[in-house]
Amino acid sequence: MAREKTKKQKLVKDPNKPGRVAQIKQTYDLTKKTDPNIGRLLLAIFVVVGVVVGALYWFFLDSIVFAVIVGILVGLLAAMIVFGRRGQRSAISQIEGKPGAAAAVLGMLKRGWKTEPGIAFNKQQDVVTRLVGPPGIVLIGEGNPNRLRGLLTAERRKHERVARDTTITELVVGDGEGQVPLGRLTKHVTKLKKTQKPAEMTDVLNRLKALDASGSKVPLPKGPVPTNMKGMRQNMKGR
């Protein structure tokens, strides 16, 4: 009975959650704000790739029906791949420089990562976000590099007290020397040296709960910084 109820609950559609087509439309509208030529670009990619692949398929297999079908499917796939990349780039450009942007971007990471935004902040809205994953603990600062130096140092000392054997890395988001651009943040953290296993990560997260309970979180501004960028990435993959 419990399993049947669970299945029925899954079949009930959430009225507040937009459908797949609506989600893609929302992403398209968001992308078009900073990339007005996205529609023409996607159409051109669909046509060019579809025609080229279809022509090759027809030339080698001499089947016009299958050539058309394959051309349409491959052209559509190519357009969706470009759409996903341009959409992600557009979303990042619209939140760049806003407090909490790093946490929103890190939400695109796959399983095995835990993001905790606003673990430290100041009146100037410089923010430190914590990321826990295979490289250990990554402290990511957003804001003025000079002011962030003190925030990051203080957070490193706090984390070393509860997770002494865990690797702690400090990063500053920005375009200056030694900083990590927001658009390359996820790629950068995934390339960090892996120093802990999933079981060790669980132990670290449990240790950090006590640390979090003793502090307060930053009141990040509502509205301008989307928190569903991971959902956008899944939409582009059709998941």
Protein backbone atom coordinates (compact mmCIF):
# COMPACT_ATOMS: atom_id res chain seq x y z
CA MET A 1 0.00 0.00 0.00
CA ALA A 2 2.80 2.40 0.88
CA ARG A 3 4.50 1.79 -2.47
CA GLU A 4 1.25 2.34 -4.36
CA LYS A 5 0.69 5.65 -2.56
CA THR A 6 4.24 6.72 -3.38
CA LYS A 7 3.73 5.92 -7.07
CA LYS A 8 0.45 7.85 -7.14
CA GLN A 9 2.11 10.85 -5.51
CA LYS A 10 4.82 10.81 -8.17
CA LEU A 11 2.19 10.77 -10.91
CA VAL A 12 0.51 13.88 -9.51
CA LYS A 13 1.98 16.89 -11.27
CA ASP A 14 3.04 19.84 -9.17
CA PRO A 15 0.92 22.80 -10.39
CA ASN A 16 3.64 25.25 -9.35
CA LYS A 17 6.34 23.51 -11.39
CA PRO A 18 6.48 24.48 -15.09
CA GLY A 19 6.53 21.77 -17.74
CA ARG A 20 9.54 20.88 -19.87
CA VAL A 21 8.49 23.16 -22.74
CA ALA A 22 7.86 26.06 -20.34
CA GLN A 23 11.28 25.54 -18.74
CA ILE A 24 13.02 25.62 -22.12
CA LYS A 25 11.09 28.77 -23.06
CA GLN A 26 12.14 30.44 -19.80
CA THR A 27 15.76 29.57 -20.48
CA TYR A 28 15.46 30.88 -24.06
CA ASP A 29 13.94 34.18 -22.89
CA LEU A 30 16.71 34.55 -20.30
CA THR A 31 19.40 33.86 -22.89
CA LYS A 32 17.93 36.26 -25.44
CA LYS A 33 18.35 39.19 -23.03
CA THR A 34 22.12 39.06 -23.42
CA ASP A 35 22.30 37.12 -26.68
CA PRO A 36 19.67 38.59 -29.05
CA ASN A 37 20.92 36.57 -32.04
CA ILE A 38 20.44 33.21 -30.30
CA GLY A 39 17.36 32.32 -32.38
CA ARG A 40 19.04 32.88 -35.75
CA LEU A 41 22.18 31.11 -34.56
CA LEU A 42 20.30 28.00 -33.45
CA LEU A 43 18.31 27.90 -36.68
CA ALA A 44 21.51 28.19 -38.74
CA ILE A 45 23.18 25.39 -36.79
CA PHE A 46 20.13 23.16 -37.12
CA VAL A 47 19.94 23.70 -40.89
CA VAL A 48 23.65 23.46 -41.68
CA VAL A 49 24.37 20.42 -39.50
CA GLY A 50 21.15 18.71 -40.56
CA VAL A 51 21.83 19.21 -44.27
CA VAL A 52 25.46 18.13 -44.08
CA VAL A 53 24.76 14.99 -42.02
CA GLY A 54 21.69 14.14 -44.09
CA ALA A 55 23.63 14.53 -47.34
CA LEU A 56 26.46 12.30 -46.11
CA TYR A 57 23.98 9.68 -44.91
CA TRP A 58 22.20 9.74 -48.27
CA PHE A 59 25.48 9.57 -50.22
CA PHE A 60 26.80 6.52 -48.40
CA LEU A 61 23.56 4.59 -47.72
CA ASP A 62 21.37 5.85 -50.59
CA SER A 63 18.23 6.24 -48.45
CA ILE A 64 16.51 9.63 -48.64
CA VAL A 65 13.99 8.82 -45.87
CA PHE A 66 16.57 7.85 -43.29
CA ALA A 67 18.82 10.69 -44.43
CA VAL A 68 16.10 13.23 -43.64
CA ILE A 69 15.33 11.64 -40.26
CA VAL A 70 18.98 11.43 -39.21
CA GLY A 71 19.65 14.95 -40.48
CA ILE A 72 16.80 16.39 -38.42
CA LEU A 73 17.79 14.52 -35.26
CA VAL A 74 21.49 15.39 -35.47
CA GLY A 75 20.73 19.00 -36.39
CA LEU A 76 18.38 19.30 -33.42
CA LEU A 77 20.97 17.74 -31.10
CA ALA A 78 23.66 20.16 -32.27
CA ALA A 79 21.34 23.14 -31.78
CA MET A 80 20.43 22.00 -28.25
CA ILE A 81 24.09 21.56 -27.28
CA VAL A 82 24.89 25.10 -28.42
CA PHE A 83 21.72 26.38 -26.74
CA GLY A 84 22.79 24.82 -23.45
CA ARG A 85 26.25 26.36 -23.55
CA ARG A 86 25.05 29.81 -24.61
CA GLY A 87 22.24 29.69 -22.05
CA GLN A 88 24.65 28.84 -19.26
CA ARG A 89 27.03 31.60 -20.33
CA SER A 90 24.17 34.11 -20.49
CA ALA A 91 22.88 33.17 -17.02
CA ILE A 92 26.36 33.52 -15.53
CA SER A 93 26.89 36.94 -17.13
CA GLN A 94 23.60 38.21 -15.64
CA ILE A 95 24.51 37.26 -12.06
CA GLU A 96 28.21 38.09 -12.20
CA GLY A 97 29.21 40.56 -9.50
CA LYS A 98 26.14 39.92 -7.34
CA PRO A 99 26.53 38.44 -3.83
CA GLY A 100 25.90 34.70 -3.93
CA ALA A 101 26.67 34.28 -7.64
CA ALA A 102 29.33 31.64 -6.91
CA ALA A 103 26.86 29.52 -4.94
CA ALA A 104 24.37 29.70 -7.81
CA VAL A 105 27.00 28.60 -10.34
CA LEU A 106 28.27 25.79 -8.10
CA GLY A 107 24.71 24.45 -8.05
CA MET A 108 25.45 23.10 -11.54
CA LEU A 109 27.88 20.55 -10.13
CA LYS A 110 26.82 16.91 -10.19
CA ARG A 111 26.39 14.64 -7.17
CA GLY A 112 29.24 14.36 -4.73
CA TRP A 113 29.47 18.08 -3.93
CA LYS A 114 27.90 20.08 -1.10
CA THR A 115 27.60 23.88 -1.39
CA GLU A 116 26.96 26.09 1.63
CA PRO A 117 26.53 29.78 0.70
CA GLY A 118 27.16 32.71 3.00
CA ILE A 119 29.21 31.07 5.74
CA ALA A 120 30.99 34.42 6.28
CA PHE A 121 30.26 38.00 5.22
CA ASN A 122 30.74 41.64 6.10
CA LYS A 123 28.83 44.92 5.77
CA GLN A 124 30.30 45.51 2.31
CA GLN A 125 28.62 42.27 1.10
CA ASP A 126 31.87 40.37 0.61
CA VAL A 127 30.80 36.74 0.87
CA VAL A 128 32.48 33.40 1.49
CA THR A 129 30.89 30.22 0.13
CA ARG A 130 31.96 26.74 1.23
CA LEU A 131 32.18 23.81 -1.15
CA VAL A 132 32.82 20.28 0.11
CA GLY A 133 33.70 17.56 -2.37
CA PRO A 134 36.49 15.25 -3.59
CA PRO A 135 39.18 17.99 -3.19
CA GLY A 136 38.19 18.49 0.45
CA ILE A 137 36.93 21.89 1.64
CA VAL A 138 37.05 24.80 -0.81
CA LEU A 139 36.46 28.29 0.58
CA ILE A 140 35.36 30.66 -2.20
CA GLY A 141 35.37 34.42 -1.68
CA GLU A 142 33.38 37.00 -3.66
CA GLY A 143 34.02 40.72 -3.37
CA ASN A 144 37.01 42.93 -2.67
CA PRO A 145 40.19 40.77 -2.60
CA ASN A 146 41.78 42.83 0.18
CA ARG A 147 38.78 42.53 2.48
CA LEU A 148 38.32 38.86 1.58
CA ARG A 149 41.83 38.02 2.75
CA GLY A 150 40.82 38.42 6.39
CA LEU A 151 37.50 36.62 5.94
CA LEU A 152 39.11 33.63 4.24
CA THR A 153 41.91 33.41 6.82
CA ALA A 154 39.41 33.44 9.68
CA GLU A 155 37.27 30.77 8.02
CA ARG A 156 40.29 28.58 7.31
CA ARG A 157 41.22 28.63 11.01
CA LYS A 158 37.67 27.76 12.04
CA HIS A 159 37.51 24.85 9.62
CA GLU A 160 40.95 23.55 10.56
CA ARG A 161 39.76 23.16 14.16
CA VAL A 162 36.95 20.76 13.19
CA ALA A 163 38.50 19.16 10.07
CA ARG A 164 42.23 19.22 10.72
CA ASP A 165 43.09 16.33 8.37
CA THR A 166 41.03 17.69 5.46
CA THR A 167 42.57 19.68 2.61
CA ILE A 168 41.35 23.30 2.64
CA THR A 169 41.67 25.41 -0.50
CA GLU A 170 40.97 29.14 -0.78
CA LEU A 171 39.73 30.75 -4.00
CA VAL A 172 38.69 34.27 -4.92
CA VAL A 173 36.20 34.80 -7.74
CA GLY A 174 37.17 37.54 -10.19
CA ASP A 175 39.11 38.43 -13.30
CA GLY A 176 42.29 39.63 -11.60
CA GLU A 177 45.61 37.84 -11.30
CA GLY A 178 45.36 34.69 -9.22
CA GLN A 179 41.56 34.82 -9.25
CA VAL A 180 39.06 32.43 -10.85
CA PRO A 181 36.52 33.85 -13.33
CA LEU A 182 32.92 33.03 -12.42
CA GLY A 183 32.34 31.29 -15.75
CA ARG A 184 35.24 28.89 -15.11
CA LEU A 185 34.56 28.26 -11.44
CA THR A 186 32.91 24.84 -11.76
CA LYS A 187 35.58 23.62 -14.17
CA HIS A 188 38.32 24.88 -11.85
CA VAL A 189 37.06 23.15 -8.71
CA THR A 190 36.48 19.85 -10.51
CA LYS A 191 40.12 19.88 -11.63
CA LEU A 192 41.45 20.30 -8.08
CA LYS A 193 43.36 17.31 -6.74
CA LYS A 194 41.04 14.72 -5.18
CA THR A 195 42.04 14.17 -1.57
CA GLN A 196 39.04 12.52 0.08
CA LYS A 197 36.67 9.64 -0.57
CA PRO A 198 32.83 9.79 -0.32
CA ALA A 199 32.88 8.16 3.14
CA GLU A 200 35.39 10.75 4.36
CA MET A 201 33.26 13.53 2.92
CA THR A 202 30.28 12.34 4.98
CA ASP A 203 32.41 12.51 8.13
CA VAL A 204 33.59 16.03 7.26
CA LEU A 205 30.01 17.23 6.66
CA ASN A 206 28.99 15.89 10.05
CA ARG A 207 31.86 17.75 11.70
CA LEU A 208 30.91 20.98 9.93
CA LYS A 209 27.35 20.88 11.27
CA ALA A 210 28.56 21.99 14.70
CA LEU A 211 30.57 24.81 13.14
CA ASP A 212 27.55 26.02 11.16
CA ALA A 213 25.31 25.91 14.21
CA SER A 214 27.53 28.41 16.02
CA GLY A 215 27.44 31.03 13.25
CA SER A 216 24.93 33.00 11.19
CA LYS A 217 24.42 32.98 7.46
CA VAL A 218 24.54 35.94 5.14
CA PRO A 219 21.14 37.40 4.16
CA LEU A 220 21.73 37.13 0.43
CA PRO A 221 19.58 39.50 -1.66
CA LYS A 222 16.49 37.90 -3.17
CA GLY A 223 15.61 37.97 -6.84
CA PRO A 224 18.68 38.74 -8.99
CA VAL A 225 20.66 35.59 -8.23
CA PRO A 226 18.95 32.41 -9.53
CA THR A 227 19.34 29.29 -7.42
CA ASN A 228 18.17 26.81 -10.08
CA MET A 229 21.12 26.85 -12.47
CA LYS A 230 21.54 23.13 -11.90
CA GLY A 231 17.95 22.70 -13.09
CA MET A 232 18.77 24.72 -16.19
CA ARG A 233 21.71 22.42 -16.95
CA GLN A 234 19.41 19.41 -16.60
CA ASN A 235 16.83 21.03 -18.89
CA MET A 236 19.45 21.42 -21.60
CA LYS A 237 20.23 17.70 -21.28
CA GLY A 238 16.56 16.76 -21.41
CA ARG A 239 16.62 15.30 -17.88
